[in-house]
Amino acid sequence: MSTPADLCPPHDVSVPIPLRWSDTDAFGHVDNTAFLRSFEDARSRRSPPRAWAPAG
């Protein structure tokens, strides 16, 4: 029998992203664009903060 550790290789990352009220329609279905926003949210939470320097 496989365990959760067997199913997730060590390089995989899990970032819990809660759904917003605006991500669902009146029937509780998740909007197609909500998945893309969730990926963007997870990427920004996972990525290290960057120090932005002014141009010039």
PDB file of N, CA and C in Angstrom:
ATOM      1  N   MET A   1       0.847  -1.184   0.000  1.00  0.00           N
ATOM      2  CA  MET A   1       0.000   0.000   0.000  1.00  0.00           C
ATOM      3  C   MET A   1       0.890   1.244   0.000  1.00  0.00           C
ATOM      4  N   SER A   2       0.534   2.216  -0.807  1.00  0.00           N
ATOM      5  CA  SER A   2       1.333   3.435  -0.885  1.00  0.00           C
ATOM      6  C   SER A   2       0.910   4.429   0.191  1.00  0.00           C
ATOM      7  N   THR A   3       1.859   5.237   0.602  1.00  0.00           N
ATOM      8  CA  THR A   3       1.600   6.274   1.593  1.00  0.00           C
ATOM      9  C   THR A   3       1.609   7.622   0.886  1.00  0.00           C
ATOM     10  N   PRO A   4       1.100   8.679   1.539  1.00  0.00           N
ATOM     11  CA  PRO A   4       1.159  10.001   0.906  1.00  0.00           C
ATOM     12  C   PRO A   4       2.577  10.427   0.529  1.00  0.00           C
ATOM     13  N   ALA A   5       3.576  10.008   1.302  1.00  0.00           N
ATOM     14  CA  ALA A   5       4.958  10.357   0.982  1.00  0.00           C
ATOM     15  C   ALA A   5       5.398   9.693  -0.320  1.00  0.00           C
ATOM     16  N   ASP A   6       4.867   8.490  -0.610  1.00  0.00           N
ATOM     17  CA  ASP A   6       5.203   7.804  -1.859  1.00  0.00           C
ATOM     18  C   ASP A   6       4.582   8.500  -3.064  1.00  0.00           C
ATOM     19  N   LEU A   7       3.428   9.123  -2.869  1.00  0.00           N
ATOM     20  CA  LEU A   7       2.709   9.754  -3.967  1.00  0.00           C
ATOM     21  C   LEU A   7       3.252  11.137  -4.311  1.00  0.00           C
ATOM     22  N   CYS A   8       3.926  11.784  -3.381  1.00  0.00           N
ATOM     23  CA  CYS A   8       4.458  13.132  -3.600  1.00  0.00           C
ATOM     24  C   CYS A   8       5.976  13.086  -3.539  1.00  0.00           C
ATOM     25  N   PRO A   9       6.636  13.169  -4.682  1.00  0.00           N
ATOM     26  CA  PRO A   9       8.105  13.209  -4.650  1.00  0.00           C
ATOM     27  C   PRO A   9       8.590  14.401  -3.827  1.00  0.00           C
ATOM     28  N   PRO A  10       9.808  14.353  -3.320  1.00  0.00           N
ATOM     29  CA  PRO A  10      10.293  15.409  -2.430  1.00  0.00           C
ATOM     30  C   PRO A  10      10.374  16.785  -3.070  1.00  0.00           C
ATOM     31  N   HIS A  11      10.409  16.901  -4.387  1.00  0.00           N
ATOM     32  CA  HIS A  11      10.508  18.210  -5.016  1.00  0.00           C
ATOM     33  C   HIS A  11       9.147  18.869  -5.225  1.00  0.00           C
ATOM     34  N   ASP A  12       8.068  18.149  -5.000  1.00  0.00           N
ATOM     35  CA  ASP A  12       6.748  18.754  -5.136  1.00  0.00           C
ATOM     36  C   ASP A  12       6.481  19.712  -3.981  1.00  0.00           C
ATOM     37  N   VAL A  13       5.693  20.733  -4.261  1.00  0.00           N
ATOM     38  CA  VAL A  13       5.382  21.753  -3.261  1.00  0.00           C
ATOM     39  C   VAL A  13       3.875  21.849  -3.133  1.00  0.00           C
ATOM     40  N   SER A  14       3.405  21.972  -1.927  1.00  0.00           N
ATOM     41  CA  SER A  14       1.986  22.137  -1.684  1.00  0.00           C
ATOM     42  C   SER A  14       1.764  23.486  -1.004  1.00  0.00           C
ATOM     43  N   VAL A  15       0.941  24.325  -1.621  1.00  0.00           N
ATOM     44  CA  VAL A  15       0.633  25.638  -1.068  1.00  0.00           C
ATOM     45  C   VAL A  15      -0.885  25.735  -0.967  1.00  0.00           C
ATOM     46  N   PRO A  16      -1.436  25.707   0.237  1.00  0.00           N
ATOM     47  CA  PRO A  16      -2.895  25.798   0.362  1.00  0.00           C
ATOM     48  C   PRO A  16      -3.394  27.196  -0.020  1.00  0.00           C
ATOM     49  N   ILE A  17      -4.342  27.239  -0.940  1.00  0.00           N
ATOM     50  CA  ILE A  17      -4.932  28.491  -1.402  1.00  0.00           C
ATOM     51  C   ILE A  17      -6.438  28.395  -1.193  1.00  0.00           C
ATOM     52  N   PRO A  18      -6.996  29.162  -0.271  1.00  0.00           N
ATOM     53  CA  PRO A  18      -8.446  29.105  -0.076  1.00  0.00           C
ATOM     54  C   PRO A  18      -9.184  29.774  -1.237  1.00  0.00           C
ATOM     55  N   LEU A  19     -10.360  29.248  -1.567  1.00  0.00           N
ATOM     56  CA  LEU A  19     -11.177  29.852  -2.613  1.00  0.00           C
ATOM     57  C   LEU A  19     -11.856  31.102  -2.080  1.00  0.00           C
ATOM     58  N   ARG A  20     -11.953  32.093  -2.924  1.00  0.00           N
ATOM     59  CA  ARG A  20     -12.670  33.316  -2.565  1.00  0.00           C
ATOM     60  C   ARG A  20     -14.140  33.158  -2.941  1.00  0.00           C
ATOM     61  N   TRP A  21     -14.978  33.955  -2.343  1.00  0.00           N
ATOM     62  CA  TRP A  21     -16.402  33.923  -2.677  1.00  0.00           C
ATOM     63  C   TRP A  21     -16.597  34.259  -4.153  1.00  0.00           C
ATOM     64  N   SER A  22     -15.789  35.152  -4.668  1.00  0.00           N
ATOM     65  CA  SER A  22     -15.924  35.571  -6.063  1.00  0.00           C
ATOM     66  C   SER A  22     -15.426  34.510  -7.049  1.00  0.00           C
ATOM     67  N   ASP A  23     -14.773  33.441  -6.559  1.00  0.00           N
ATOM     68  CA  ASP A  23     -14.265  32.387  -7.441  1.00  0.00           C
ATOM     69  C   ASP A  23     -15.345  31.395  -7.861  1.00  0.00           C
ATOM     70  N   THR A  24     -16.509  31.460  -7.246  1.00  0.00           N
ATOM     71  CA  THR A  24     -17.580  30.513  -7.545  1.00  0.00           C
ATOM     72  C   THR A  24     -18.808  31.230  -8.094  1.00  0.00           C
ATOM     73  N   ASP A  25     -19.627  30.465  -8.832  1.00  0.00           N
ATOM     74  CA  ASP A  25     -20.865  31.028  -9.350  1.00  0.00           C
ATOM     75  C   ASP A  25     -22.013  30.725  -8.381  1.00  0.00           C
ATOM     76  N   ALA A  26     -23.236  31.014  -8.783  1.00  0.00           N
ATOM     77  CA  ALA A  26     -24.400  30.833  -7.911  1.00  0.00           C
ATOM     78  C   ALA A  26     -24.630  29.373  -7.541  1.00  0.00           C
ATOM     79  N   PHE A  27     -24.118  28.439  -8.345  1.00  0.00           N
ATOM     80  CA  PHE A  27     -24.309  27.017  -8.076  1.00  0.00           C
ATOM     81  C   PHE A  27     -23.132  26.404  -7.314  1.00  0.00           C
ATOM     82  N   GLY A  28     -22.134  27.220  -6.968  1.00  0.00           N
ATOM     83  CA  GLY A  28     -20.978  26.732  -6.230  1.00  0.00           C
ATOM     84  C   GLY A  28     -19.896  26.143  -7.111  1.00  0.00           C
ATOM     85  N   HIS A  29     -20.010  26.328  -8.425  1.00  0.00           N
ATOM     86  CA  HIS A  29     -18.981  25.846  -9.345  1.00  0.00           C
ATOM     87  C   HIS A  29     -17.832  26.850  -9.400  1.00  0.00           C
ATOM     88  N   VAL A  30     -16.617  26.338  -9.438  1.00  0.00           N
ATOM     89  CA  VAL A  30     -15.445  27.211  -9.495  1.00  0.00           C
ATOM     90  C   VAL A  30     -15.281  27.729 -10.923  1.00  0.00           C
ATOM     91  N   ASP A  31     -15.116  29.026 -11.043  1.00  0.00           N
ATOM     92  CA  ASP A  31     -14.938  29.678 -12.337  1.00  0.00           C
ATOM     93  C   ASP A  31     -13.605  29.256 -12.953  1.00  0.00           C
ATOM     94  N   ASN A  32     -13.560  29.153 -14.280  1.00  0.00           N
ATOM     95  CA  ASN A  32     -12.339  28.719 -14.970  1.00  0.00           C
ATOM     96  C   ASN A  32     -11.159  29.638 -14.690  1.00  0.00           C
ATOM     97  N   THR A  33     -11.377  30.919 -14.585  1.00  0.00           N
ATOM     98  CA  THR A  33     -10.267  31.840 -14.343  1.00  0.00           C
ATOM     99  C   THR A  33      -9.748  31.752 -12.909  1.00  0.00           C
ATOM    100  N   ALA A  34     -10.533  31.182 -12.000  1.00  0.00           N
ATOM    101  CA  ALA A  34     -10.087  31.051 -10.608  1.00  0.00           C
ATOM    102  C   ALA A  34      -8.886  30.127 -10.511  1.00  0.00           C
ATOM    103  N   PHE A  35      -8.818  29.121 -11.379  1.00  0.00           N
ATOM    104  CA  PHE A  35      -7.669  28.215 -11.352  1.00  0.00           C
ATOM    105  C   PHE A  35      -6.389  28.959 -11.706  1.00  0.00           C
ATOM    106  N   LEU A  36      -6.457  29.818 -12.705  1.00  0.00           N
ATOM    107  CA  LEU A  36      -5.270  30.582 -13.090  1.00  0.00           C
ATOM    108  C   LEU A  36      -4.842  31.536 -11.979  1.00  0.00           C
ATOM    109  N   ARG A  37      -5.815  32.202 -11.342  1.00  0.00           N
ATOM    110  CA  ARG A  37      -5.477  33.089 -10.222  1.00  0.00           C
ATOM    111  C   ARG A  37      -4.882  32.294  -9.070  1.00  0.00           C
ATOM    112  N   SER A  38      -5.392  31.081  -8.832  1.00  0.00           N
ATOM    113  CA  SER A  38      -4.859  30.244  -7.756  1.00  0.00           C
ATOM    114  C   SER A  38      -3.414  29.866  -8.032  1.00  0.00           C
ATOM    115  N   PHE A  39      -3.103  29.529  -9.296  1.00  0.00           N
ATOM    116  CA  PHE A  39      -1.721  29.216  -9.654  1.00  0.00           C
ATOM    117  C   PHE A  39      -0.822  30.430  -9.442  1.00  0.00           C
ATOM    118  N   GLU A  40      -1.306  31.612  -9.813  1.00  0.00           N
ATOM    119  CA  GLU A  40      -0.513  32.827  -9.614  1.00  0.00           C
ATOM    120  C   GLU A  40      -0.289  33.093  -8.129  1.00  0.00           C
ATOM    121  N   ASP A  41      -1.340  32.908  -7.319  1.00  0.00           N
ATOM    122  CA  ASP A  41      -1.204  33.111  -5.876  1.00  0.00           C
ATOM    123  C   ASP A  41      -0.199  32.136  -5.273  1.00  0.00           C
ATOM    124  N   ALA A  42      -0.284  30.877  -5.674  1.00  0.00           N
ATOM    125  CA  ALA A  42       0.637  29.870  -5.139  1.00  0.00           C
ATOM    126  C   ALA A  42       2.068  30.173  -5.563  1.00  0.00           C
ATOM    127  N   ARG A  43       2.247  30.589  -6.821  1.00  0.00           N
ATOM    128  CA  ARG A  43       3.600  30.905  -7.305  1.00  0.00           C
ATOM    129  C   ARG A  43       4.188  32.077  -6.535  1.00  0.00           C
ATOM    130  N   SER A  44       3.377  33.108  -6.296  1.00  0.00           N
ATOM    131  CA  SER A  44       3.899  34.273  -5.587  1.00  0.00           C
ATOM    132  C   SER A  44       4.166  33.969  -4.120  1.00  0.00           C
ATOM    133  N   ARG A  45       3.380  33.074  -3.522  1.00  0.00           N
ATOM    134  CA  ARG A  45       3.632  32.702  -2.121  1.00  0.00           C
ATOM    135  C   ARG A  45       4.848  31.799  -2.006  1.00  0.00           C
ATOM    136  N   ARG A  46       5.101  31.002  -3.026  1.00  0.00           N
ATOM    137  CA  ARG A  46       6.210  30.057  -3.001  1.00  0.00           C
ATOM    138  C   ARG A  46       7.536  30.723  -3.352  1.00  0.00           C
ATOM    139  N   SER A  47       7.505  31.710  -4.226  1.00  0.00           N
ATOM    140  CA  SER A  47       8.726  32.364  -4.680  1.00  0.00           C
ATOM    141  C   SER A  47       9.309  33.235  -3.574  1.00  0.00           C
ATOM    142  N   PRO A  48      10.629  33.306  -3.512  1.00  0.00           N
ATOM    143  CA  PRO A  48      11.236  34.187  -2.504  1.00  0.00           C
ATOM    144  C   PRO A  48      10.983  35.647  -2.863  1.00  0.00           C
ATOM    145  N   PRO A  49      10.900  36.509  -1.865  1.00  0.00           N
ATOM    146  CA  PRO A  49      10.690  37.936  -2.163  1.00  0.00           C
ATOM    147  C   PRO A  49      11.890  38.508  -2.908  1.00  0.00           C
ATOM    148  N   ARG A  50      11.620  39.411  -3.800  1.00  0.00           N
ATOM    149  CA  ARG A  50      12.684  40.034  -4.590  1.00  0.00           C
ATOM    150  C   ARG A  50      12.889  41.476  -4.111  1.00  0.00           C
ATOM    151  N   ALA A  51      14.128  41.878  -4.134  1.00  0.00           N
ATOM    152  CA  ALA A  51      14.456  43.259  -3.811  1.00  0.00           C
ATOM    153  C   ALA A  51      14.458  44.042  -5.115  1.00  0.00           C
ATOM    154  N   TRP A  52      13.510  44.905  -5.281  1.00  0.00           N
ATOM    155  CA  TRP A  52      13.392  45.679  -6.516  1.00  0.00           C
ATOM    156  C   TRP A  52      14.213  46.951  -6.380  1.00  0.00           C
ATOM    157  N   ALA A  53      15.069  47.164  -7.345  1.00  0.00           N
ATOM    158  CA  ALA A  53      15.891  48.370  -7.374  1.00  0.00           C
ATOM    159  C   ALA A  53      15.356  49.308  -8.436  1.00  0.00           C
ATOM    160  N   PRO A  54      15.326  50.583  -8.175  1.00  0.00           N
ATOM    161  CA  PRO A  54      14.848  51.519  -9.207  1.00  0.00           C
ATOM    162  C   PRO A  54      15.777  51.518 -10.414  1.00  0.00           C
ATOM    163  N   ALA A  55      15.188  51.665 -11.580  1.00  0.00           N
ATOM    164  CA  ALA A  55      15.980  51.691 -12.811  1.00  0.00           C
ATOM    165  C   ALA A  55      16.742  53.006 -12.900  1.00  0.00           C
ATOM    166  N   GLY A  56      17.928  52.921 -13.429  1.00  0.00           N
ATOM    167  CA  GLY A  56      18.670  54.141 -13.696  1.00  0.00           C
ATOM    168  C   GLY A  56      19.831  54.387 -12.900  1.00  0.00           C
TER     169      GLY A  56
END
